[in-house]
Amino acid sequence: MRSLTSSISKSGTGSHDSIRENQTLRKPFFDSNTMYLTTGQPKKIATALDYDRLPEGAPYQLIGGKLMLSPIPSFFHQNIVGELFAELHAFVRQYDLGKVVLSPMDVHLTVVDVYQPDLLFICKENLSQINPNDRIRIVPDLVVEVLSPSTEEQDYVRKRMIYGECGVAEYWIVDPAEHTVEVLLNDQGRFERASFVKEPSELTSPMFPGFSMSLQKLFQH
C-alpha cells in the first residue's frame, strides 16, 4: 500500500490507482426522458446527473441511487471533525503533502454514488486533476467518516464497499459513542483493518508516517 513516506522525505510519490468500475451494480443505461437511471426493471434510481441538478447546498448524498437526506450533525460530532481537521491539516501543510478538505464537499464515485465524507485528503500529485470551481470527481486518497446513528449502517456497508472498489487508499471510521477509530487499508479493492484504537491510545496512520493524535484530545467534550 502506498504511503507518503517518500513525500515527507522530499522525494516523489507513486501514481494513484485508477478508478475501478463498481462490479456489484448492473450495467445501466440513461433514459433522457425520465432523468433517471433505468436498470431494466420498473423501479428507477437517481444518478449523479440528477444529483448535480439539485439546488446548491441541498442537504443530500446520493447513495446507491437513492437521494439520502443528510441529518444536521451534533455539536460533539462537529467538534470531533474540527479537532481531526486541525491536527491533520497542520501535519499535511508542514510537509506539503496535499490538501485536507472538510465536508460538505461532493465526491463523485460512481454513476449512482456521490458522497460527502466528513473529511478527505488528496495527495499533492493528484491536485492538478481537480477543477477548483467544481466538485471532486477523482478518488480521494483518504476519507474519514464520523459515525452518527442515522448514517452508521451506510458508513460500514455501502460506503465502505464503494470507497474500496473505487480505489480509496485509506478509510478511517470514527465512532463518537465508543471513542474509537478504525483505520482501514485498501487491498485490491477491499478494506482490511490496519488498526483499531480506543481512548486513551494514539491515532496513527500508514499513509502519514510520523503523524499521531491523542484520542483523549479528539473525543474531549
Protein backbone atom coordinates (compact mmCIF):
# COMPACT_ATOMS: atom_id res chain seq x y z
CA MET A 1 0.00 0.00 0.00
CA ARG A 2 1.36 3.40 -0.97
CA SER A 3 2.21 5.74 1.87
CA LEU A 4 3.50 9.29 1.96
CA THR A 5 6.86 8.41 3.49
CA SER A 6 8.66 9.48 0.36
CA SER A 7 6.80 12.80 0.30
CA ILE A 8 7.87 13.56 3.85
CA SER A 9 11.44 12.76 2.88
CA LYS A 10 11.09 15.29 0.00
CA SER A 11 11.06 12.73 -2.81
CA GLY A 12 8.21 11.91 -5.25
CA THR A 13 5.35 9.51 -4.64
CA GLY A 14 3.85 6.85 -6.86
CA SER A 15 0.78 7.40 -9.01
CA HIS A 16 -2.69 6.68 -7.70
CA ASP A 17 -4.51 3.54 -8.81
CA SER A 18 -7.19 4.22 -11.43
CA ILE A 19 -10.86 4.14 -10.52
CA ARG A 20 -12.34 0.70 -10.89
CA GLU A 21 -15.88 0.22 -12.10
CA ASN A 22 -18.28 -0.96 -9.41
CA GLN A 23 -18.87 -4.58 -10.36
CA THR A 24 -21.77 -5.03 -7.94
CA LEU A 25 -24.10 -2.78 -9.93
CA ARG A 26 -25.91 -3.87 -13.06
CA LYS A 27 -24.73 -2.04 -16.15
CA PRO A 28 -27.19 0.86 -16.53
CA PHE A 29 -28.41 2.99 -19.37
CA PHE A 30 -29.62 6.57 -19.17
CA ASP A 31 -33.18 7.42 -20.07
CA SER A 32 -33.21 11.11 -21.05
CA ASN A 33 -36.99 11.28 -20.79
CA THR A 34 -37.11 10.45 -17.10
CA MET A 35 -33.74 11.91 -16.00
CA TYR A 36 -33.21 8.73 -14.01
CA LEU A 37 -31.14 5.61 -14.41
CA THR A 38 -33.05 2.57 -15.68
CA THR A 39 -31.86 -0.95 -14.85
CA GLY A 40 -34.38 -2.82 -16.98
CA GLN A 41 -36.85 -3.00 -14.09
CA PRO A 42 -39.81 -0.71 -13.29
CA LYS A 43 -38.00 0.86 -10.35
CA LYS A 44 -35.90 3.87 -11.30
CA ILE A 45 -32.99 5.28 -9.39
CA ALA A 46 -31.35 8.68 -9.34
CA THR A 47 -27.98 9.28 -10.99
CA ALA A 48 -25.10 11.66 -10.45
CA LEU A 49 -26.60 13.82 -13.21
CA ASP A 50 -29.81 14.17 -11.21
CA TYR A 51 -27.75 14.95 -8.13
CA ASP A 52 -25.85 17.72 -9.90
CA ARG A 53 -29.18 19.36 -10.75
CA LEU A 54 -30.20 19.75 -7.11
CA PRO A 55 -30.20 23.31 -5.76
CA GLU A 56 -26.83 24.39 -4.44
CA GLY A 57 -26.48 23.44 -0.79
CA ALA A 58 -29.25 20.82 -0.84
CA PRO A 59 -28.54 18.54 2.17
CA TYR A 60 -28.40 15.22 0.33
CA GLN A 61 -26.00 12.45 -0.60
CA LEU A 62 -26.55 10.01 -3.45
CA ILE A 63 -26.10 6.52 -2.05
CA GLY A 64 -26.76 3.57 -4.32
CA GLY A 65 -29.14 5.59 -6.50
CA LYS A 66 -31.12 6.96 -3.55
CA LEU A 67 -31.13 10.59 -2.51
CA MET A 68 -30.46 10.40 1.23
CA LEU A 69 -31.11 13.40 3.45
CA SER A 70 -28.01 14.30 5.47
CA PRO A 71 -29.05 14.99 9.08
CA ILE A 72 -27.69 18.02 10.88
CA PRO A 73 -24.79 16.70 12.98
CA SER A 74 -24.46 17.14 16.72
CA PHE A 75 -22.08 19.55 18.40
CA PHE A 76 -19.92 16.63 19.56
CA HIS A 77 -19.77 15.23 16.03
CA GLN A 78 -18.63 18.57 14.59
CA ASN A 79 -16.12 19.10 17.37
CA ILE A 80 -14.52 15.74 16.52
CA VAL A 81 -14.36 16.66 12.83
CA GLY A 82 -12.83 20.05 13.70
CA GLU A 83 -10.18 18.60 16.01
CA LEU A 84 -9.20 15.97 13.48
CA PHE A 85 -9.04 18.51 10.67
CA ALA A 86 -6.84 20.85 12.70
CA GLU A 87 -4.29 18.14 13.54
CA LEU A 88 -4.18 16.52 10.12
CA HIS A 89 -4.19 19.81 8.24
CA ALA A 90 -1.22 21.07 10.26
CA PHE A 91 0.75 17.88 9.56
CA VAL A 92 -0.07 17.82 5.84
CA ARG A 93 0.78 21.50 5.47
CA GLN A 94 4.06 21.13 7.34
CA TYR A 95 5.30 18.51 4.87
CA ASP A 96 3.48 19.88 1.80
CA LEU A 97 1.70 16.57 1.21
CA GLY A 98 -1.54 17.75 -0.40
CA LYS A 99 -4.88 19.09 0.80
CA VAL A 100 -7.26 18.15 3.60
CA VAL A 101 -10.88 19.09 2.84
CA LEU A 102 -13.86 19.43 5.18
CA SER A 103 -17.44 18.45 4.45
CA PRO A 104 -19.68 19.42 2.79
CA MET A 105 -17.82 18.53 -0.38
CA ASP A 106 -19.36 16.32 -3.06
CA VAL A 107 -17.20 13.39 -4.14
CA HIS A 108 -18.36 11.68 -7.34
CA LEU A 109 -17.51 7.98 -7.19
CA THR A 110 -19.95 6.05 -9.42
CA VAL A 111 -22.94 6.96 -11.57
CA VAL A 112 -25.17 6.31 -8.54
CA ASP A 113 -22.87 7.29 -5.66
CA VAL A 114 -21.96 10.86 -4.70
CA TYR A 115 -20.83 11.13 -1.08
CA GLN A 116 -19.86 13.88 1.35
CA PRO A 117 -17.29 12.37 3.71
CA ASP A 118 -16.68 14.32 6.90
CA LEU A 119 -13.04 14.73 5.94
CA LEU A 120 -10.93 13.81 2.93
CA PHE A 121 -7.33 14.07 1.81
CA ILE A 122 -5.92 14.35 -1.70
CA CYS A 123 -2.19 13.96 -2.14
CA LYS A 124 -0.14 16.64 -3.85
CA GLU A 125 0.43 14.66 -7.02
CA ASN A 126 -3.33 14.41 -7.69
CA LEU A 127 -4.34 18.02 -7.02
CA SER A 128 -3.81 19.02 -10.64
CA GLN A 129 -6.73 16.76 -11.58
CA ILE A 130 -9.18 18.87 -9.59
CA ASN A 131 -11.10 21.78 -11.05
CA PRO A 132 -11.15 24.33 -8.19
CA ASN A 133 -14.56 25.57 -9.38
CA ASP A 134 -16.16 22.13 -9.42
CA ARG A 135 -16.89 19.22 -7.11
CA ILE A 136 -14.38 16.44 -6.61
CA ARG A 137 -14.50 13.98 -9.47
CA ILE A 138 -11.40 11.96 -8.64
CA VAL A 139 -10.89 9.36 -5.93
CA PRO A 140 -9.52 10.81 -2.66
CA ASP A 141 -6.52 9.13 -1.09
CA LEU A 142 -8.13 9.19 2.36
CA VAL A 143 -11.72 9.52 3.52
CA VAL A 144 -12.93 9.90 7.09
CA GLU A 145 -16.46 9.23 8.27
CA VAL A 146 -17.58 10.15 11.78
CA LEU A 147 -20.47 7.87 12.71
CA SER A 148 -23.91 9.05 13.72
CA PRO A 149 -26.97 6.90 14.49
CA SER A 150 -28.60 7.67 11.13
CA THR A 151 -25.50 7.06 8.97
CA GLU A 152 -23.67 4.23 10.75
CA GLU A 153 -25.02 1.43 8.56
CA GLN A 154 -24.20 3.32 5.34
CA ASP A 155 -20.67 4.11 6.53
CA TYR A 156 -19.95 0.49 7.44
CA VAL A 157 -21.62 -1.21 4.46
CA ARG A 158 -22.36 0.65 1.22
CA LYS A 159 -19.80 3.41 1.59
CA ARG A 160 -17.09 1.03 2.72
CA MET A 161 -17.71 -1.15 -0.34
CA ILE A 162 -17.77 1.74 -2.83
CA TYR A 163 -14.77 3.52 -1.34
CA GLY A 164 -12.82 0.28 -1.58
CA GLU A 165 -13.86 -0.63 -5.11
CA CYS A 166 -13.17 2.88 -6.41
CA GLY A 167 -9.64 2.86 -5.04
CA VAL A 168 -9.63 4.99 -1.87
CA ALA A 169 -6.33 4.01 -0.27
CA GLU A 170 -7.24 4.53 3.39
CA TYR A 171 -10.55 4.84 5.26
CA TRP A 172 -10.98 5.98 8.85
CA ILE A 173 -14.20 5.25 10.72
CA VAL A 174 -14.56 7.35 13.87
CA ASP A 175 -17.08 6.22 16.50
CA PRO A 176 -18.03 9.04 18.90
CA ALA A 177 -20.13 6.73 21.09
CA GLU A 178 -17.35 4.20 21.71
CA HIS A 179 -14.43 6.66 21.45
CA THR A 180 -12.70 4.50 18.85
CA VAL A 181 -11.09 4.95 15.43
CA GLU A 182 -10.75 2.11 12.92
CA VAL A 183 -8.10 2.56 10.23
CA LEU A 184 -8.70 0.51 7.07
CA LEU A 185 -6.29 -0.07 4.18
CA ASN A 186 -7.30 -0.91 0.63
CA ASP A 187 -6.16 -4.33 -0.52
CA GLN A 188 -7.14 -4.95 -4.15
CA GLY A 189 -10.50 -3.20 -3.81
CA ARG A 190 -11.40 -4.43 -0.33
CA PHE A 191 -10.59 -2.82 3.00
CA GLU A 192 -8.60 -4.68 5.63
CA ARG A 193 -8.17 -3.41 9.17
CA ALA A 194 -4.78 -1.81 9.84
CA SER A 195 -5.57 -0.72 13.40
CA PHE A 196 -8.40 -0.26 15.85
CA VAL A 197 -7.62 2.24 18.60
CA LYS A 198 -9.60 3.27 21.64
CA GLU A 199 -9.18 6.17 24.02
CA PRO A 200 -6.64 6.90 25.53
CA SER A 201 -4.49 5.43 22.71
CA GLU A 202 -2.92 7.45 19.89
CA LEU A 203 -4.28 7.55 16.34
CA THR A 204 -1.62 6.83 13.72
CA SER A 205 -1.79 6.14 10.01
CA PRO A 206 0.25 4.16 7.45
CA MET A 207 -0.44 6.99 4.98
CA PHE A 208 1.14 9.62 7.25
CA PRO A 209 4.29 8.27 8.92
CA GLY A 210 5.09 10.42 11.93
CA PHE A 211 1.52 11.62 12.44
CA SER A 212 -0.19 10.87 15.74
CA MET A 213 -3.13 12.29 17.64
CA SER A 214 -4.34 11.65 21.15
CA LEU A 215 -7.82 10.18 21.22
CA GLN A 216 -8.38 11.95 24.52
CA LYS A 217 -7.98 15.22 22.66
CA LEU A 218 -10.09 14.01 19.73
CA PHE A 219 -13.02 12.99 21.92
CA GLN A 220 -12.89 15.72 24.54
CA HIS A 221 -16.25 17.36 25.22
